[in-house]
Amino acid sequence: MVASGKGGVGKSVFSSNLSAVFAERGIRVALVDMNVGLRNLDLYMGMEDRVIFDIADVLSGVVPPRRAFVRDRRFQYLSLLATTQKKEKFHAGAEDMKRLYRYLRANFDITIVDGPAGVNRELGLASIGVNAAVVVTTPEYVSLRDADLVEQTLHKGGVENRVYVVNKMFRDFLGHSTLPTVEIITSTMKIPLLGAIQHDNEIHLAANRGVPAVLGNDSYITRNFNKIADRLLMY
């Protein structure tokens, strides 16, 4: 599961690119949007016009999971389960999520759940039985405080493997007196660092085009995401 303490840190863009990296390796990937009420992944993946059913339809029994997943035509092994834009439509409980996760484990090699921002009921549901959680933060004091709170909540909820990613790092700002230093970041999070992602306009331009930035190129962005993916597989 990919989580964050606050919105705007790049959690969903990270999830979409990480999914694309695994899919390009021939790994069967389920990308599941659990950011209930704030559906974004279908836009970042360029699949918004193909979504008919969402996770609320699956969990309520309206359709079986296979009917709701949308196969990405660019990746043979990547399928998306979109979330609902209407939070009042989402009535799932713990047993519903366990049933969905059993289906995912039986039909995919890796499931990447794009969780909600902050601490809420959906965070607890999304984290049920996951192997690892990636907390995405940015090098800002507010983001770090909120990320630390989410990490502690996941720990109390029984998620044993917890790592973090520092996103949107401005190289020129490292060491600036008004921003947290590397030492402050590591002492705040207290869990293993999975990787750092430099701020790059191309990542966000690609997301707004509905194309993962890692698709079909050998840029430093792609190489960095592949290293992050390799480390994540250790968990």
Protein backbone atom coordinates (compact mmCIF):
# COMPACT_ATOMS: atom_id res chain seq x y z
CA MET A 1 0.00 0.00 0.00
CA VAL A 2 1.11 3.53 -0.78
CA ALA A 3 0.05 6.09 1.83
CA SER A 4 0.70 9.71 2.74
CA GLY A 5 0.02 12.05 5.59
CA LYS A 6 -1.36 14.81 3.41
CA GLY A 7 -2.51 15.35 -0.13
CA GLY A 8 -0.35 16.82 -2.85
CA VAL A 9 2.84 14.88 -2.08
CA GLY A 10 2.66 12.82 -5.29
CA LYS A 11 1.37 9.55 -3.82
CA SER A 12 -0.87 8.65 -6.77
CA VAL A 13 1.73 9.61 -9.39
CA PHE A 14 4.24 7.46 -7.51
CA SER A 15 1.77 4.54 -7.48
CA SER A 16 1.12 4.78 -11.21
CA ASN A 17 4.81 4.85 -12.13
CA LEU A 18 5.70 2.04 -9.75
CA SER A 19 2.92 -0.10 -11.26
CA ALA A 20 4.20 0.61 -14.77
CA VAL A 21 7.74 -0.43 -13.81
CA PHE A 22 6.54 -3.79 -12.49
CA ALA A 23 4.24 -4.37 -15.48
CA GLU A 24 7.05 -3.73 -17.96
CA ARG A 25 8.94 -6.57 -16.26
CA GLY A 26 6.15 -8.99 -17.12
CA ILE A 27 4.74 -9.02 -13.58
CA ARG A 28 0.94 -9.18 -13.33
CA VAL A 29 0.02 -5.95 -11.51
CA ALA A 30 -3.28 -4.86 -9.98
CA LEU A 31 -3.39 -1.11 -9.37
CA VAL A 32 -6.18 -0.40 -6.90
CA ASP A 33 -7.41 3.10 -6.07
CA MET A 34 -8.55 3.38 -2.45
CA ASN A 35 -8.51 7.17 -2.30
CA VAL A 36 -12.28 7.07 -1.88
CA GLY A 37 -14.08 10.21 -3.05
CA LEU A 38 -10.99 11.63 -4.73
CA ARG A 39 -10.52 9.46 -7.82
CA ASN A 40 -7.32 10.36 -9.67
CA LEU A 41 -5.53 7.22 -10.82
CA ASP A 42 -7.73 6.74 -13.88
CA LEU A 43 -6.67 10.21 -15.06
CA TYR A 44 -2.99 9.64 -14.35
CA MET A 45 -3.18 6.37 -16.30
CA GLY A 46 -5.19 7.89 -19.16
CA MET A 47 -8.04 5.43 -18.61
CA GLU A 48 -10.83 7.71 -17.39
CA ASP A 49 -13.05 7.03 -20.43
CA ARG A 50 -12.93 3.27 -19.92
CA VAL A 51 -14.02 3.03 -16.28
CA ILE A 52 -17.55 1.64 -15.96
CA PHE A 53 -17.54 0.01 -12.51
CA ASP A 54 -15.53 0.95 -9.44
CA ILE A 55 -14.35 -0.59 -6.19
CA ALA A 56 -17.61 0.26 -4.42
CA ASP A 57 -19.49 -1.80 -7.03
CA VAL A 58 -17.15 -4.73 -6.40
CA LEU A 59 -17.26 -4.60 -2.60
CA SER A 60 -21.05 -4.26 -2.54
CA GLY A 61 -21.44 -7.25 -4.85
CA VAL A 62 -22.88 -5.39 -7.84
CA VAL A 63 -20.22 -6.92 -10.12
CA PRO A 64 -17.42 -9.47 -9.65
CA PRO A 65 -13.89 -8.03 -9.54
CA ARG A 66 -13.00 -9.19 -13.06
CA ARG A 67 -15.79 -7.00 -14.49
CA ALA A 68 -14.48 -3.86 -12.80
CA PHE A 69 -10.78 -4.11 -13.66
CA VAL A 70 -9.69 -2.19 -16.74
CA ARG A 71 -6.69 -3.55 -18.65
CA ASP A 72 -4.12 -0.94 -19.66
CA ARG A 73 -3.64 -1.35 -23.41
CA ARG A 74 -0.02 -0.19 -23.19
CA PHE A 75 0.92 -2.82 -20.62
CA GLN A 76 -0.04 -6.44 -21.10
CA TYR A 77 0.17 -7.11 -17.37
CA LEU A 78 -1.36 -4.00 -15.74
CA SER A 79 -5.00 -3.62 -14.72
CA LEU A 80 -6.70 -0.78 -12.83
CA LEU A 81 -9.54 -0.92 -10.32
CA ALA A 82 -10.82 2.65 -9.96
CA THR A 83 -12.36 4.03 -6.81
CA THR A 84 -15.68 5.78 -6.47
CA GLN A 85 -16.05 9.55 -6.66
CA LYS A 86 -19.02 9.39 -4.28
CA LYS A 87 -17.81 8.67 -0.76
CA GLU A 88 -21.36 8.00 0.44
CA LYS A 89 -21.47 5.06 -2.00
CA PHE A 90 -18.62 3.31 -0.17
CA HIS A 91 -19.93 1.07 2.62
CA ALA A 92 -17.27 -1.63 2.69
CA GLY A 93 -16.12 -3.30 5.86
CA ALA A 94 -13.09 -5.34 6.86
CA GLU A 95 -14.50 -8.65 5.59
CA ASP A 96 -15.26 -7.10 2.19
CA MET A 97 -11.65 -5.93 1.85
CA LYS A 98 -10.28 -9.31 2.94
CA ARG A 99 -12.41 -11.00 0.28
CA LEU A 100 -11.13 -8.59 -2.39
CA TYR A 101 -7.51 -9.08 -1.32
CA ARG A 102 -7.91 -12.86 -1.53
CA TYR A 103 -9.06 -12.45 -5.12
CA LEU A 104 -6.11 -10.17 -5.91
CA ARG A 105 -3.57 -12.59 -4.45
CA ALA A 106 -5.03 -15.41 -6.52
CA ASN A 107 -5.05 -13.49 -9.81
CA PHE A 108 -2.11 -11.07 -9.71
CA ASP A 109 1.56 -11.21 -8.76
CA ILE A 110 1.64 -7.77 -7.15
CA THR A 111 -1.12 -5.47 -5.94
CA ILE A 112 -0.37 -1.79 -5.45
CA VAL A 113 -3.04 -0.04 -3.41
CA ASP A 114 -3.08 3.74 -3.68
CA GLY A 115 -4.40 4.54 -0.22
CA PRO A 116 -6.09 7.69 1.05
CA ALA A 117 -4.20 10.71 2.34
CA GLY A 118 -4.25 11.14 6.09
CA VAL A 119 -5.62 8.99 8.90
CA ASN A 120 -9.18 7.84 8.33
CA ARG A 121 -11.40 4.77 8.10
CA GLU A 122 -10.31 4.04 4.52
CA LEU A 123 -6.64 3.90 5.59
CA GLY A 124 -7.45 1.11 8.03
CA LEU A 125 -9.44 -0.80 5.42
CA ALA A 126 -6.78 -0.40 2.73
CA SER A 127 -4.02 -1.66 5.01
CA ILE A 128 -5.72 -4.91 6.00
CA GLY A 129 -3.26 -7.74 5.41
CA VAL A 130 -0.82 -5.84 3.17
CA ASN A 131 2.78 -7.06 3.03
CA ALA A 132 4.31 -3.57 3.13
CA ALA A 133 3.38 0.09 3.24
CA VAL A 134 5.23 2.90 1.48
CA VAL A 135 4.70 6.30 3.09
CA VAL A 136 5.30 9.14 0.63
CA THR A 137 6.46 12.46 2.02
CA THR A 138 8.09 15.63 0.75
CA PRO A 139 10.98 17.50 2.39
CA GLU A 140 8.71 19.88 4.30
CA TYR A 141 8.00 20.00 8.02
CA VAL A 142 4.21 19.73 7.63
CA SER A 143 4.49 16.77 5.28
CA LEU A 144 6.97 15.02 7.57
CA ARG A 145 4.79 15.44 10.66
CA ASP A 146 1.75 14.03 8.87
CA ALA A 147 3.76 11.18 7.33
CA ASP A 148 5.08 10.25 10.76
CA LEU A 149 1.51 10.12 12.11
CA VAL A 150 0.40 7.83 9.28
CA GLU A 151 3.42 5.58 9.82
CA GLN A 152 2.63 5.26 13.52
CA THR A 153 -1.00 4.48 12.69
CA LEU A 154 0.03 1.73 10.28
CA HIS A 155 2.38 0.31 12.89
CA LYS A 156 -0.42 0.15 15.47
CA GLY A 157 -2.64 -1.39 12.80
CA GLY A 158 -0.28 -4.33 12.38
CA VAL A 159 1.59 -3.42 9.17
CA GLU A 160 5.04 -4.77 9.96
CA ASN A 161 6.99 -3.63 6.88
CA ARG A 162 6.93 0.15 6.61
CA VAL A 163 9.27 2.22 4.45
CA TYR A 164 9.18 5.76 3.12
CA VAL A 165 9.95 7.72 -0.03
CA VAL A 166 10.96 11.36 -0.14
CA ASN A 167 9.32 12.85 -3.22
CA LYS A 168 9.71 16.21 -4.99
CA MET A 169 13.22 16.86 -3.75
CA PHE A 170 14.71 20.12 -5.02
CA ARG A 171 18.44 19.54 -5.19
CA ASP A 172 19.18 23.27 -4.98
CA PHE A 173 17.19 23.51 -1.72
CA LEU A 174 19.03 20.75 0.15
CA GLY A 175 20.60 22.24 3.22
CA HIS A 176 18.45 25.40 3.05
CA SER A 177 17.96 26.74 6.56
CA THR A 178 14.16 26.84 6.32
CA LEU A 179 13.74 23.21 5.17
CA PRO A 180 14.37 19.98 7.08
CA THR A 181 17.83 18.53 6.61
CA VAL A 182 18.47 14.90 5.67
CA GLU A 183 19.25 14.23 9.34
CA ILE A 184 15.91 15.68 10.44
CA ILE A 185 14.02 13.66 7.83
CA THR A 186 15.63 10.37 8.87
CA SER A 187 15.24 11.04 12.59
CA THR A 188 11.56 11.95 12.11
CA MET A 189 10.56 8.93 10.04
CA LYS A 190 12.63 6.28 11.92
CA ILE A 191 11.84 3.62 9.29
CA PRO A 192 13.91 2.51 6.28
CA LEU A 193 14.24 4.92 3.37
CA LEU A 194 13.10 3.24 0.15
CA GLY A 195 14.28 6.03 -2.15
CA ALA A 196 14.25 9.70 -3.05
CA ILE A 197 12.73 11.24 -6.17
CA GLN A 198 14.02 14.52 -7.48
CA HIS A 199 11.46 17.12 -8.51
CA ASP A 200 11.13 16.94 -12.28
CA ASN A 201 8.46 18.69 -14.32
CA GLU A 202 8.43 15.78 -16.77
CA ILE A 203 6.96 13.46 -14.14
CA HIS A 204 3.98 15.75 -13.58
CA LEU A 205 3.55 16.70 -17.23
CA ALA A 206 3.45 13.00 -18.11
CA ALA A 207 0.86 12.35 -15.38
CA ASN A 208 -1.38 15.09 -16.78
CA ARG A 209 -1.08 13.45 -20.20
CA GLY A 210 -2.22 10.18 -18.68
CA VAL A 211 1.14 8.53 -19.30
CA PRO A 212 3.50 7.18 -16.60
CA ALA A 213 6.83 9.00 -16.92
CA VAL A 214 8.68 5.65 -16.90
CA LEU A 215 6.91 4.36 -20.02
CA GLY A 216 9.23 3.35 -22.84
CA ASN A 217 12.35 5.30 -21.97
CA ASP A 218 15.67 4.89 -20.17
CA SER A 219 15.79 8.21 -18.36
CA TYR A 220 17.21 8.69 -14.89
CA ILE A 221 13.57 8.81 -13.70
CA THR A 222 12.98 5.28 -15.01
CA ARG A 223 16.24 3.99 -13.55
CA ASN A 224 15.39 5.50 -10.16
CA PHE A 225 11.92 3.93 -10.11
CA ASN A 226 13.42 0.56 -11.05
CA LYS A 227 15.83 0.77 -8.11
CA ILE A 228 12.93 1.64 -5.81
CA ALA A 229 10.94 -1.30 -7.20
CA ASP A 230 13.89 -3.65 -6.58
CA ARG A 231 14.17 -2.54 -2.95
CA LEU A 232 10.43 -2.89 -2.42
CA LEU A 233 10.49 -6.50 -3.58
CA MET A 234 12.73 -7.26 -0.62
CA TYR A 235 9.70 -6.76 1.63
